[in-house]
Amino acid sequence: MTRFLKFRFHTAVLLSLSLLILSGCAKSEDINACLTGHTYGFFGGLWHGFIAPFDFIGMLFNDKITMYAQNNNGGLYALGFLLGSGGWGFFGSRGARSIRRTKAKPEKEVFIDAEVVE
C-alpha cells in the first residue's frame, strides 16, 4: 500500500471513529414526543437519509432507534430520504464519472510523428 493510501485509510478510520463517538452523545427523544411533535418534511428526510447508515448500526444494538421518522408528511419526506441515502445516485455520480474519464484507453492512442524502425 502506498503512503498516500495509508494516509487516506487512517484518515477515514479516524473520522469514522470520531463520528461514532460524537453521535453517542446525541439526545434521545421520547416515542410519544416523536409521534405528536414536529412533522418532518423534505429536509428532515434528506438529513435522515444522510445518517441512515449510522442509524442502521445503532438499530442493531438498540430497539429504540429507527431509520425512518414515524411523524413525517409523506411523499416529500420519502423523496428527501431517498435522495439523502443516495437511492438514485445523485451525490455519487460525479465521482464515478470522473473516474471513468481518467482511465487510459490504449486503443484510441494515435502516434502522429512516430518513427518506423526496420
PDB file of N, CA and C in Angstrom:
ATOM      1  N   MET A   1       0.841  -1.167   0.000  1.00  0.00           N
ATOM      2  CA  MET A   1       0.000   0.000   0.000  1.00  0.00           C
ATOM      3  C   MET A   1       0.892   1.237   0.000  1.00  0.00           C
ATOM      4  N   THR A   2       0.555   2.179  -0.830  1.00  0.00           N
ATOM      5  CA  THR A   2       1.374   3.378  -0.889  1.00  0.00           C
ATOM      6  C   THR A   2       1.134   4.246   0.338  1.00  0.00           C
ATOM      7  N   ARG A   3       2.004   5.184   0.510  1.00  0.00           N
ATOM      8  CA  ARG A   3       1.923   6.065   1.670  1.00  0.00           C
ATOM      9  C   ARG A   3       0.646   6.903   1.638  1.00  0.00           C
ATOM     10  N   PHE A   4       0.270   7.357   0.443  1.00  0.00           N
ATOM     11  CA  PHE A   4      -0.938   8.165   0.296  1.00  0.00           C
ATOM     12  C   PHE A   4      -2.189   7.362   0.655  1.00  0.00           C
ATOM     13  N   LEU A   5      -2.258   6.106   0.206  1.00  0.00           N
ATOM     14  CA  LEU A   5      -3.421   5.277   0.510  1.00  0.00           C
ATOM     15  C   LEU A   5      -3.501   4.962   2.001  1.00  0.00           C
ATOM     16  N   LYS A   6      -2.349   4.755   2.633  1.00  0.00           N
ATOM     17  CA  LYS A   6      -2.342   4.522   4.075  1.00  0.00           C
ATOM     18  C   LYS A   6      -2.862   5.748   4.810  1.00  0.00           C
ATOM     19  N   PHE A   7      -2.447   6.930   4.353  1.00  0.00           N
ATOM     20  CA  PHE A   7      -2.906   8.174   4.969  1.00  0.00           C
ATOM     21  C   PHE A   7      -4.418   8.312   4.823  1.00  0.00           C
ATOM     22  N   ARG A   8      -4.943   8.036   3.633  1.00  0.00           N
ATOM     23  CA  ARG A   8      -6.388   8.137   3.400  1.00  0.00           C
ATOM     24  C   ARG A   8      -7.146   7.122   4.246  1.00  0.00           C
ATOM     25  N   PHE A   9      -6.607   5.921   4.361  1.00  0.00           N
ATOM     26  CA  PHE A   9      -7.256   4.888   5.166  1.00  0.00           C
ATOM     27  C   PHE A   9      -7.303   5.304   6.632  1.00  0.00           C
ATOM     28  N   HIS A  10      -6.170   5.770   7.150  1.00  0.00           N
ATOM     29  CA  HIS A  10      -6.115   6.183   8.553  1.00  0.00           C
ATOM     30  C   HIS A  10      -7.017   7.387   8.804  1.00  0.00           C
ATOM     31  N   THR A  11      -7.082   8.305   7.861  1.00  0.00           N
ATOM     32  CA  THR A  11      -7.961   9.462   7.998  1.00  0.00           C
ATOM     33  C   THR A  11      -9.421   9.026   8.020  1.00  0.00           C
ATOM     34  N   ALA A  12      -9.788   8.108   7.143  1.00  0.00           N
ATOM     35  CA  ALA A  12     -11.170   7.622   7.100  1.00  0.00           C
ATOM     36  C   ALA A  12     -11.541   6.906   8.395  1.00  0.00           C
ATOM     37  N   VAL A  13     -10.629   6.096   8.913  1.00  0.00           N
ATOM     38  CA  VAL A  13     -10.896   5.389  10.168  1.00  0.00           C
ATOM     39  C   VAL A  13     -11.029   6.385  11.313  1.00  0.00           C
ATOM     40  N   LEU A  14     -10.163   7.381  11.357  1.00  0.00           N
ATOM     41  CA  LEU A  14     -10.216   8.383  12.415  1.00  0.00           C
ATOM     42  C   LEU A  14     -11.519   9.178  12.361  1.00  0.00           C
ATOM     43  N   LEU A  15     -11.937   9.584  11.164  1.00  0.00           N
ATOM     44  CA  LEU A  15     -13.195  10.319  11.025  1.00  0.00           C
ATOM     45  C   LEU A  15     -14.392   9.452  11.408  1.00  0.00           C
ATOM     46  N   SER A  16     -14.373   8.202  11.018  1.00  0.00           N
ATOM     47  CA  SER A  16     -15.477   7.296  11.362  1.00  0.00           C
ATOM     48  C   SER A  16     -15.583   7.103  12.870  1.00  0.00           C
ATOM     49  N   LEU A  17     -14.451   6.897  13.516  1.00  0.00           N
ATOM     50  CA  LEU A  17     -14.472   6.738  14.970  1.00  0.00           C
ATOM     51  C   LEU A  17     -14.920   8.017  15.665  1.00  0.00           C
ATOM     52  N   SER A  18     -14.492   9.169  15.144  1.00  0.00           N
ATOM     53  CA  SER A  18     -14.912  10.446  15.724  1.00  0.00           C
ATOM     54  C   SER A  18     -16.420  10.615  15.619  1.00  0.00           C
ATOM     55  N   LEU A  19     -16.972  10.303  14.448  1.00  0.00           N
ATOM     56  CA  LEU A  19     -18.421  10.403  14.275  1.00  0.00           C
ATOM     57  C   LEU A  19     -19.159   9.448  15.203  1.00  0.00           C
ATOM     58  N   LEU A  20     -18.643   8.259  15.349  1.00  0.00           N
ATOM     59  CA  LEU A  20     -19.282   7.279  16.218  1.00  0.00           C
ATOM     60  C   LEU A  20     -19.260   7.745  17.672  1.00  0.00           C
ATOM     61  N   ILE A  21     -18.136   8.258  18.111  1.00  0.00           N
ATOM     62  CA  ILE A  21     -18.015   8.723  19.493  1.00  0.00           C
ATOM     63  C   ILE A  21     -18.898   9.940  19.735  1.00  0.00           C
ATOM     64  N   LEU A  22     -18.890  10.896  18.800  1.00  0.00           N
ATOM     65  CA  LEU A  22     -19.691  12.103  18.979  1.00  0.00           C
ATOM     66  C   LEU A  22     -21.185  11.833  18.858  1.00  0.00           C
ATOM     67  N   SER A  23     -21.575  10.881  18.042  1.00  0.00           N
ATOM     68  CA  SER A  23     -23.005  10.580  17.917  1.00  0.00           C
ATOM     69  C   SER A  23     -23.530   9.849  19.148  1.00  0.00           C
ATOM     70  N   GLY A  24     -22.654   9.287  19.936  1.00  0.00           N
ATOM     71  CA  GLY A  24     -23.072   8.649  21.180  1.00  0.00           C
ATOM     72  C   GLY A  24     -23.556   9.655  22.210  1.00  0.00           C
ATOM     73  N   CYS A  25     -23.231  10.922  22.023  1.00  0.00           N
ATOM     74  CA  CYS A  25     -23.662  11.974  22.940  1.00  0.00           C
ATOM     75  C   CYS A  25     -25.008  12.566  22.543  1.00  0.00           C
ATOM     76  N   ALA A  26     -25.585  12.106  21.452  1.00  0.00           N
ATOM     77  CA  ALA A  26     -26.830  12.682  20.949  1.00  0.00           C
ATOM     78  C   ALA A  26     -27.980  12.393  21.905  1.00  0.00           C
ATOM     79  N   LYS A  27     -28.876  13.364  22.021  1.00  0.00           N
ATOM     80  CA  LYS A  27     -30.029  13.241  22.899  1.00  0.00           C
ATOM     81  C   LYS A  27     -31.073  12.327  22.256  1.00  0.00           C
ATOM     82  N   SER A  28     -31.660  11.455  23.045  1.00  0.00           N
ATOM     83  CA  SER A  28     -32.730  10.600  22.524  1.00  0.00           C
ATOM     84  C   SER A  28     -34.082  11.206  22.887  1.00  0.00           C
ATOM     85  N   GLU A  29     -35.086  10.967  22.032  1.00  0.00           N
ATOM     86  CA  GLU A  29     -36.414  11.534  22.242  1.00  0.00           C
ATOM     87  C   GLU A  29     -37.378  10.472  22.730  1.00  0.00           C
ATOM     88  N   ASP A  30     -38.353  10.907  23.488  1.00  0.00           N
ATOM     89  CA  ASP A  30     -39.426  10.028  23.920  1.00  0.00           C
ATOM     90  C   ASP A  30     -40.290   9.673  22.713  1.00  0.00           C
ATOM     91  N   ILE A  31     -40.754   8.431  22.617  1.00  0.00           N
ATOM     92  CA  ILE A  31     -41.511   7.986  21.450  1.00  0.00           C
ATOM     93  C   ILE A  31     -42.824   8.749  21.305  1.00  0.00           C
ATOM     94  N   ASN A  32     -43.457   9.122  22.412  1.00  0.00           N
ATOM     95  CA  ASN A  32     -44.705   9.895  22.322  1.00  0.00           C
ATOM     96  C   ASN A  32     -44.450  11.276  21.742  1.00  0.00           C
ATOM     97  N   ALA A  33     -43.318  11.863  22.085  1.00  0.00           N
ATOM     98  CA  ALA A  33     -42.975  13.168  21.525  1.00  0.00           C
ATOM     99  C   ALA A  33     -42.694  13.056  20.034  1.00  0.00           C
ATOM    100  N   CYS A  34     -42.186  11.911  19.604  1.00  0.00           N
ATOM    101  CA  CYS A  34     -41.917  11.716  18.173  1.00  0.00           C
ATOM    102  C   CYS A  34     -43.201  11.658  17.364  1.00  0.00           C
ATOM    103  N   LEU A  35     -44.230  11.044  17.916  1.00  0.00           N
ATOM    104  CA  LEU A  35     -45.478  10.873  17.174  1.00  0.00           C
ATOM    105  C   LEU A  35     -46.356  12.111  17.195  1.00  0.00           C
ATOM    106  N   THR A  36     -46.249  12.922  18.243  1.00  0.00           N
ATOM    107  CA  THR A  36     -47.111  14.102  18.347  1.00  0.00           C
ATOM    108  C   THR A  36     -46.345  15.395  18.131  1.00  0.00           C
ATOM    109  N   GLY A  37     -45.048  15.338  18.033  1.00  0.00           N
ATOM    110  CA  GLY A  37     -44.231  16.544  17.930  1.00  0.00           C
ATOM    111  C   GLY A  37     -44.076  17.042  16.510  1.00  0.00           C
ATOM    112  N   HIS A  38     -42.893  17.451  16.182  1.00  0.00           N
ATOM    113  CA  HIS A  38     -42.559  18.052  14.890  1.00  0.00           C
ATOM    114  C   HIS A  38     -42.799  17.067  13.748  1.00  0.00           C
ATOM    115  N   THR A  39     -43.450  17.541  12.673  1.00  0.00           N
ATOM    116  CA  THR A  39     -43.648  16.722  11.477  1.00  0.00           C
ATOM    117  C   THR A  39     -42.485  16.976  10.534  1.00  0.00           C
ATOM    118  N   TYR A  40     -41.810  15.918  10.117  1.00  0.00           N
ATOM    119  CA  TYR A  40     -40.638  16.045   9.260  1.00  0.00           C
ATOM    120  C   TYR A  40     -41.051  16.126   7.801  1.00  0.00           C
ATOM    121  N   GLY A  41     -40.386  17.018   7.074  1.00  0.00           N
ATOM    122  CA  GLY A  41     -40.649  17.203   5.654  1.00  0.00           C
ATOM    123  C   GLY A  41     -39.459  16.773   4.811  1.00  0.00           C
ATOM    124  N   PHE A  42     -39.261  17.474   3.691  1.00  0.00           N
ATOM    125  CA  PHE A  42     -38.215  17.113   2.737  1.00  0.00           C
ATOM    126  C   PHE A  42     -36.827  17.174   3.360  1.00  0.00           C
ATOM    127  N   PHE A  43     -36.501  18.282   4.030  1.00  0.00           N
ATOM    128  CA  PHE A  43     -35.152  18.440   4.574  1.00  0.00           C
ATOM    129  C   PHE A  43     -34.897  17.487   5.745  1.00  0.00           C
ATOM    130  N   GLY A  44     -35.937  17.182   6.514  1.00  0.00           N
ATOM    131  CA  GLY A  44     -35.796  16.164   7.553  1.00  0.00           C
ATOM    132  C   GLY A  44     -35.497  14.803   6.949  1.00  0.00           C
ATOM    133  N   GLY A  45     -36.188  14.484   5.856  1.00  0.00           N
ATOM    134  CA  GLY A  45     -35.930  13.226   5.160  1.00  0.00           C
ATOM    135  C   GLY A  45     -34.543  13.180   4.563  1.00  0.00           C
ATOM    136  N   LEU A  46     -34.087  14.324   4.029  1.00  0.00           N
ATOM    137  CA  LEU A  46     -32.744  14.402   3.461  1.00  0.00           C
ATOM    138  C   LEU A  46     -31.696  14.128   4.538  1.00  0.00           C
ATOM    139  N   TRP A  47     -31.856  14.759   5.693  1.00  0.00           N
ATOM    140  CA  TRP A  47     -30.917  14.550   6.793  1.00  0.00           C
ATOM    141  C   TRP A  47     -30.960  13.098   7.282  1.00  0.00           C
ATOM    142  N   HIS A  48     -32.162  12.551   7.432  1.00  0.00           N
ATOM    143  CA  HIS A  48     -32.276  11.167   7.893  1.00  0.00           C
ATOM    144  C   HIS A  48     -31.703  10.192   6.869  1.00  0.00           C
ATOM    145  N   GLY A  49     -31.763  10.540   5.595  1.00  0.00           N
ATOM    146  CA  GLY A  49     -31.133   9.710   4.571  1.00  0.00           C
ATOM    147  C   GLY A  49     -29.616   9.734   4.673  1.00  0.00           C
ATOM    148  N   PHE A  50     -29.055  10.928   4.965  1.00  0.00           N
ATOM    149  CA  PHE A  50     -27.600  11.038   5.119  1.00  0.00           C
ATOM    150  C   PHE A  50     -27.102  10.184   6.280  1.00  0.00           C
ATOM    151  N   ILE A  51     -27.836  10.180   7.381  1.00  0.00           N
ATOM    152  CA  ILE A  51     -27.369   9.467   8.574  1.00  0.00           C
ATOM    153  C   ILE A  51     -27.918   8.044   8.662  1.00  0.00           C
ATOM    154  N   ALA A  52     -28.576   7.563   7.614  1.00  0.00           N
ATOM    155  CA  ALA A  52     -29.181   6.222   7.628  1.00  0.00           C
ATOM    156  C   ALA A  52     -28.183   5.099   7.927  1.00  0.00           C
ATOM    157  N   PRO A  53     -26.957   5.114   7.378  1.00  0.00           N
ATOM    158  CA  PRO A  53     -26.026   4.025   7.730  1.00  0.00           C
ATOM    159  C   PRO A  53     -25.702   3.976   9.222  1.00  0.00           C
ATOM    160  N   PHE A  54     -25.584   5.145   9.846  1.00  0.00           N
ATOM    161  CA  PHE A  54     -25.303   5.183  11.280  1.00  0.00           C
ATOM    162  C   PHE A  54     -26.529   4.734  12.076  1.00  0.00           C
ATOM    163  N   ASP A  55     -27.724   5.116  11.588  1.00  0.00           N
ATOM    164  CA  ASP A  55     -28.950   4.653  12.237  1.00  0.00           C
ATOM    165  C   ASP A  55     -29.065   3.137  12.172  1.00  0.00           C
ATOM    166  N   PHE A  56     -28.695   2.570  11.041  1.00  0.00           N
ATOM    167  CA  PHE A  56     -28.775   1.115  10.895  1.00  0.00           C
ATOM    168  C   PHE A  56     -27.868   0.413  11.900  1.00  0.00           C
ATOM    169  N   ILE A  57     -26.661   0.920  12.053  1.00  0.00           N
ATOM    170  CA  ILE A  57     -25.736   0.325  13.027  1.00  0.00           C
ATOM    171  C   ILE A  57     -26.305   0.459  14.436  1.00  0.00           C
ATOM    172  N   GLY A  58     -26.878   1.623  14.728  1.00  0.00           N
ATOM    173  CA  GLY A  58     -27.495   1.818  16.036  1.00  0.00           C
ATOM    174  C   GLY A  58     -28.680   0.903  16.270  1.00  0.00           C
ATOM    175  N   MET A  59     -29.463   0.629  15.218  1.00  0.00           N
ATOM    176  CA  MET A  59     -30.620  -0.262  15.332  1.00  0.00           C
ATOM    177  C   MET A  59     -30.216  -1.676  15.715  1.00  0.00           C
ATOM    178  N   LEU A  60     -29.023  -2.078  15.308  1.00  0.00           N
ATOM    179  CA  LEU A  60     -28.571  -3.427  15.632  1.00  0.00           C
ATOM    180  C   LEU A  60     -28.369  -3.621  17.130  1.00  0.00           C
ATOM    181  N   PHE A  61     -28.079  -2.532  17.836  1.00  0.00           N
ATOM    182  CA  PHE A  61     -27.771  -2.626  19.257  1.00  0.00           C
ATOM    183  C   PHE A  61     -28.856  -2.064  20.168  1.00  0.00           C
ATOM    184  N   ASN A  62     -29.802  -1.289  19.615  1.00  0.00           N
ATOM    185  CA  ASN A  62     -30.811  -0.641  20.442  1.00  0.00           C
ATOM    186  C   ASN A  62     -32.147  -0.652  19.708  1.00  0.00           C
ATOM    187  N   ASP A  63     -33.186  -1.195  20.335  1.00  0.00           N
ATOM    188  CA  ASP A  63     -34.501  -1.290  19.701  1.00  0.00           C
ATOM    189  C   ASP A  63     -35.223   0.053  19.607  1.00  0.00           C
ATOM    190  N   LYS A  64     -34.780   1.060  20.329  1.00  0.00           N
ATOM    191  CA  LYS A  64     -35.455   2.354  20.320  1.00  0.00           C
ATOM    192  C   LYS A  64     -35.029   3.242  19.157  1.00  0.00           C
ATOM    193  N   ILE A  65     -34.027   2.850  18.402  1.00  0.00           N
ATOM    194  CA  ILE A  65     -33.535   3.647  17.275  1.00  0.00           C
ATOM    195  C   ILE A  65     -34.223   3.175  16.002  1.00  0.00           C
ATOM    196  N   THR A  66     -34.721   4.128  15.222  1.00  0.00           N
ATOM    197  CA  THR A  66     -35.347   3.802  13.936  1.00  0.00           C
ATOM    198  C   THR A  66     -34.662   4.587  12.828  1.00  0.00           C
ATOM    199  N   MET A  67     -34.778   4.087  11.616  1.00  0.00           N
ATOM    200  CA  MET A  67     -34.159   4.762  10.475  1.00  0.00           C
ATOM    201  C   MET A  67     -35.087   5.797   9.855  1.00  0.00           C
ATOM    202  N   TYR A  68     -36.360   5.614   9.983  1.00  0.00           N
ATOM    203  CA  TYR A  68     -37.350   6.401   9.263  1.00  0.00           C
ATOM    204  C   TYR A  68     -38.238   7.092  10.286  1.00  0.00           C
ATOM    205  N   ALA A  69     -38.406   8.406  10.191  1.00  0.00           N
ATOM    206  CA  ALA A  69     -39.226   9.141  11.152  1.00  0.00           C
ATOM    207  C   ALA A  69     -40.690   8.731  11.015  1.00  0.00           C
ATOM    208  N   GLN A  70     -41.319   8.408  12.115  1.00  0.00           N
ATOM    209  CA  GLN A  70     -42.724   7.998  12.085  1.00  0.00           C
ATOM    210  C   GLN A  70     -43.647   9.178  11.811  1.00  0.00           C
ATOM    211  N   ASN A  71     -43.293  10.341  12.289  1.00  0.00           N
ATOM    212  CA  ASN A  71     -44.123  11.539  12.127  1.00  0.00           C
ATOM    213  C   ASN A  71     -43.598  12.349  10.945  1.00  0.00           C
ATOM    214  N   ASN A  72     -43.967  11.942   9.724  1.00  0.00           N
ATOM    215  CA  ASN A  72     -43.497  12.646   8.531  1.00  0.00           C
ATOM    216  C   ASN A  72     -44.683  13.059   7.679  1.00  0.00           C
ATOM    217  N   ASN A  73     -44.413  13.902   6.672  1.00  0.00           N
ATOM    218  CA  ASN A  73     -45.507  14.410   5.850  1.00  0.00           C
ATOM    219  C   ASN A  73     -45.758  13.572   4.602  1.00  0.00           C
ATOM    220  N   GLY A  74     -45.130  12.430   4.464  1.00  0.00           N
ATOM    221  CA  GLY A  74     -45.437  11.525   3.361  1.00  0.00           C
ATOM    222  C   GLY A  74     -44.439  11.577   2.229  1.00  0.00           C
ATOM    223  N   GLY A  75     -44.909  11.992   1.054  1.00  0.00           N
ATOM    224  CA  GLY A  75     -44.116  11.920  -0.169  1.00  0.00           C
ATOM    225  C   GLY A  75     -42.844  12.746  -0.161  1.00  0.00           C
ATOM    226  N   LEU A  76     -42.913  13.976   0.328  1.00  0.00           N
ATOM    227  CA  LEU A  76     -41.711  14.818   0.331  1.00  0.00           C
ATOM    228  C   LEU A  76     -40.649  14.269   1.282  1.00  0.00           C
ATOM    229  N   TYR A  77     -41.086  13.756   2.425  1.00  0.00           N
ATOM    230  CA  TYR A  77     -40.122  13.147   3.348  1.00  0.00           C
ATOM    231  C   TYR A  77     -39.462  11.934   2.692  1.00  0.00           C
ATOM    232  N   ALA A  78     -40.276  11.115   2.035  1.00  0.00           N
ATOM    233  CA  ALA A  78     -39.745   9.917   1.379  1.00  0.00           C
ATOM    234  C   ALA A  78     -38.770  10.288   0.267  1.00  0.00           C
ATOM    235  N   LEU A  79     -39.081  11.342  -0.504  1.00  0.00           N
ATOM    236  CA  LEU A  79     -38.169  11.798  -1.556  1.00  0.00           C
ATOM    237  C   LEU A  79     -36.855  12.286  -0.953  1.00  0.00           C
ATOM    238  N   GLY A  80     -36.923  13.079   0.108  1.00  0.00           N
ATOM    239  CA  GLY A  80     -35.715  13.544   0.776  1.00  0.00           C
ATOM    240  C   GLY A  80     -34.891  12.399   1.328  1.00  0.00           C
ATOM    241  N   PHE A  81     -35.560  11.412   1.912  1.00  0.00           N
ATOM    242  CA  PHE A  81     -34.850  10.247   2.449  1.00  0.00           C
ATOM    243  C   PHE A  81     -34.159   9.480   1.330  1.00  0.00           C
ATOM    244  N   LEU A  82     -34.854   9.315   0.215  1.00  0.00           N
ATOM    245  CA  LEU A  82     -34.280   8.591  -0.920  1.00  0.00           C
ATOM    246  C   LEU A  82     -33.058   9.316  -1.476  1.00  0.00           C
ATOM    247  N   LEU A  83     -33.153  10.637  -1.651  1.00  0.00           N
ATOM    248  CA  LEU A  83     -32.010  11.402  -2.163  1.00  0.00           C
ATOM    249  C   LEU A  83     -30.863  11.417  -1.160  1.00  0.00           C
ATOM    250  N   GLY A  84     -31.180  11.568   0.119  1.00  0.00           N
ATOM    251  CA  GLY A  84     -30.146  11.606   1.151  1.00  0.00           C
ATOM    252  C   GLY A  84     -29.399  10.301   1.292  1.00  0.00           C
ATOM    253  N   SER A  85     -30.091   9.201   1.091  1.00  0.00           N
ATOM    254  CA  SER A  85     -29.430   7.904   1.217  1.00  0.00           C
ATOM    255  C   SER A  85     -28.730   7.491  -0.071  1.00  0.00           C
ATOM    256  N   GLY A  86     -28.811   8.314  -1.106  1.00  0.00           N
ATOM    257  CA  GLY A  86     -28.141   8.000  -2.367  1.00  0.00           C
ATOM    258  C   GLY A  86     -28.903   6.992  -3.186  1.00  0.00           C
ATOM    259  N   GLY A  87     -30.218   6.934  -2.996  1.00  0.00           N
ATOM    260  CA  GLY A  87     -31.047   5.946  -3.669  1.00  0.00           C
ATOM    261  C   GLY A  87     -31.007   6.025  -5.179  1.00  0.00           C
ATOM    262  N   TRP A  88     -30.842   7.212  -5.728  1.00  0.00           N
ATOM    263  CA  TRP A  88     -30.765   7.354  -7.179  1.00  0.00           C
ATOM    264  C   TRP A  88     -29.374   7.745  -7.634  1.00  0.00           C
ATOM    265  N   GLY A  89     -28.424   7.800  -6.738  1.00  0.00           N
ATOM    266  CA  GLY A  89     -27.037   8.068  -7.095  1.00  0.00           C
ATOM    267  C   GLY A  89     -26.739   9.502  -7.477  1.00  0.00           C
ATOM    268  N   PHE A  90     -27.524  10.474  -7.021  1.00  0.00           N
ATOM    269  CA  PHE A  90     -27.290  11.866  -7.393  1.00  0.00           C
ATOM    270  C   PHE A  90     -25.971  12.389  -6.842  1.00  0.00           C
ATOM    271  N   PHE A  91     -25.653  12.036  -5.596  1.00  0.00           N
ATOM    272  CA  PHE A  91     -24.469  12.604  -4.975  1.00  0.00           C
ATOM    273  C   PHE A  91     -23.204  11.828  -5.304  1.00  0.00           C
ATOM    274  N   GLY A  92     -23.308  10.591  -5.718  1.00  0.00           N
ATOM    275  CA  GLY A  92     -22.140   9.789  -6.029  1.00  0.00           C
ATOM    276  C   GLY A  92     -21.813   9.721  -7.503  1.00  0.00           C
ATOM    277  N   SER A  93     -22.684  10.235  -8.353  1.00  0.00           N
ATOM    278  CA  SER A  93     -22.482  10.071  -9.792  1.00  0.00           C
ATOM    279  C   SER A  93     -21.319  10.901 -10.320  1.00  0.00           C
ATOM    280  N   ARG A  94     -21.051  12.042  -9.731  1.00  0.00           N
ATOM    281  CA  ARG A  94     -19.967  12.896 -10.225  1.00  0.00           C
ATOM    282  C   ARG A  94     -18.609  12.223 -10.039  1.00  0.00           C
ATOM    283  N   GLY A  95     -18.397  11.595  -8.910  1.00  0.00           N
ATOM    284  CA  GLY A  95     -17.131  10.911  -8.664  1.00  0.00           C
ATOM    285  C   GLY A  95     -16.927   9.728  -9.585  1.00  0.00           C
ATOM    286  N   ALA A  96     -17.975   8.978  -9.824  1.00  0.00           N
ATOM    287  CA  ALA A  96     -17.865   7.827 -10.722  1.00  0.00           C
ATOM    288  C   ALA A  96     -17.579   8.281 -12.143  1.00  0.00           C
ATOM    289  N   ARG A  97     -18.163   9.390 -12.546  1.00  0.00           N
ATOM    290  CA  ARG A  97     -17.949   9.909 -13.892  1.00  0.00           C
ATOM    291  C   ARG A  97     -16.498  10.358 -14.072  1.00  0.00           C
ATOM    292  N   SER A  98     -15.904  10.990 -13.047  1.00  0.00           N
ATOM    293  CA  SER A  98     -14.521  11.449 -13.182  1.00  0.00           C
ATOM    294  C   SER A  98     -13.550  10.273 -13.226  1.00  0.00           C
ATOM    295  N   ILE A  99     -13.871   9.192 -12.536  1.00  0.00           N
ATOM    296  CA  ILE A  99     -13.008   8.009 -12.581  1.00  0.00           C
ATOM    297  C   ILE A  99     -13.036   7.398 -13.970  1.00  0.00           C
ATOM    298  N   ARG A 100     -14.212   7.345 -14.571  1.00  0.00           N
ATOM    299  CA  ARG A 100     -14.315   6.774 -15.910  1.00  0.00           C
ATOM    300  C   ARG A 100     -13.549   7.596 -16.933  1.00  0.00           C
ATOM    301  N   ARG A 101     -13.493   8.906 -16.769  1.00  0.00           N
ATOM    302  CA  ARG A 101     -12.788   9.770 -17.719  1.00  0.00           C
ATOM    303  C   ARG A 101     -11.278   9.614 -17.644  1.00  0.00           C
ATOM    304  N   THR A 102     -10.758   9.278 -16.476  1.00  0.00           N
ATOM    305  CA  THR A 102      -9.309   9.239 -16.303  1.00  0.00           C
ATOM    306  C   THR A 102      -8.686   7.910 -16.692  1.00  0.00           C
ATOM    307  N   LYS A 103      -9.477   6.912 -17.002  1.00  0.00           N
ATOM    308  CA  LYS A 103      -8.907   5.623 -17.383  1.00  0.00           C
ATOM    309  C   LYS A 103      -8.219   5.729 -18.742  1.00  0.00           C
ATOM    310  N   ALA A 104      -7.105   5.047 -18.873  1.00  0.00           N
ATOM    311  CA  ALA A 104      -6.357   5.057 -20.133  1.00  0.00           C
ATOM    312  C   ALA A 104      -7.078   4.197 -21.163  1.00  0.00           C
ATOM    313  N   LYS A 105      -7.094   4.664 -22.392  1.00  0.00           N
ATOM    314  CA  LYS A 105      -7.715   3.923 -23.486  1.00  0.00           C
ATOM    315  C   LYS A 105      -6.669   3.720 -24.571  1.00  0.00           C
ATOM    316  N   PRO A 106      -5.878   2.650 -24.480  1.00  0.00           N
ATOM    317  CA  PRO A 106      -4.772   2.461 -25.416  1.00  0.00           C
ATOM    318  C   PRO A 106      -5.218   2.262 -26.859  1.00  0.00           C
ATOM    319  N   GLU A 107      -6.426   1.770 -27.100  1.00  0.00           N
ATOM    320  CA  GLU A 107      -6.849   1.541 -28.478  1.00  0.00           C
ATOM    321  C   GLU A 107      -7.117   2.847 -29.228  1.00  0.00           C
ATOM    322  N   LYS A 108      -7.254   3.959 -28.509  1.00  0.00           N
ATOM    323  CA  LYS A 108      -7.532   5.228 -29.165  1.00  0.00           C
ATOM    324  C   LYS A 108      -6.311   6.137 -29.263  1.00  0.00           C
ATOM    325  N   GLU A 109      -5.154   5.668 -28.824  1.00  0.00           N
ATOM    326  CA  GLU A 109      -3.960   6.498 -28.904  1.00  0.00           C
ATOM    327  C   GLU A 109      -3.479   6.574 -30.349  1.00  0.00           C
ATOM    328  N   VAL A 110      -3.106   7.767 -30.762  1.00  0.00           N
ATOM    329  CA  VAL A 110      -2.641   7.978 -32.134  1.00  0.00           C
ATOM    330  C   VAL A 110      -1.214   8.511 -32.059  1.00  0.00           C
ATOM    331  N   PHE A 111      -0.320   7.890 -32.831  1.00  0.00           N
ATOM    332  CA  PHE A 111       1.069   8.327 -32.874  1.00  0.00           C
ATOM    333  C   PHE A 111       1.294   9.018 -34.214  1.00  0.00           C
ATOM    334  N   ILE A 112       1.291  10.333 -34.204  1.00  0.00           N
ATOM    335  CA  ILE A 112       1.394  11.091 -35.454  1.00  0.00           C
ATOM    336  C   ILE A 112       2.834  11.152 -35.952  1.00  0.00           C
ATOM    337  N   ASP A 113       3.773  11.479 -35.084  1.00  0.00           N
ATOM    338  CA  ASP A 113       5.164  11.662 -35.502  1.00  0.00           C
ATOM    339  C   ASP A 113       6.039  10.486 -35.076  1.00  0.00           C
ATOM    340  N   ALA A 114       5.559   9.285 -35.199  1.00  0.00           N
ATOM    341  CA  ALA A 114       6.328   8.118 -34.783  1.00  0.00           C
ATOM    342  C   ALA A 114       7.282   7.687 -35.893  1.00  0.00           C
ATOM    343  N   GLU A 115       8.487   7.265 -35.489  1.00  0.00           N
ATOM    344  CA  GLU A 115       9.466   6.768 -36.458  1.00  0.00           C
ATOM    345  C   GLU A 115       9.280   5.274 -36.659  1.00  0.00           C
ATOM    346  N   VAL A 116       9.450   4.847 -37.883  1.00  0.00           N
ATOM    347  CA  VAL A 116       9.362   3.425 -38.193  1.00  0.00           C
ATOM    348  C   VAL A 116      10.777   2.872 -38.193  1.00  0.00           C
ATOM    349  N   VAL A 117      11.038   1.872 -37.371  1.00  0.00           N
ATOM    350  CA  VAL A 117      12.361   1.266 -37.276  1.00  0.00           C
ATOM    351  C   VAL A 117      12.307  -0.089 -37.962  1.00  0.00           C
ATOM    352  N   GLU A 118      13.258  -0.306 -38.905  1.00  0.00           N
ATOM    353  CA  GLU A 118      13.282  -1.572 -39.636  1.00  0.00           C
ATOM    354  C   GLU A 118      14.456  -2.415 -39.228  1.00  0.00           C
TER     355      GLU A 118
END
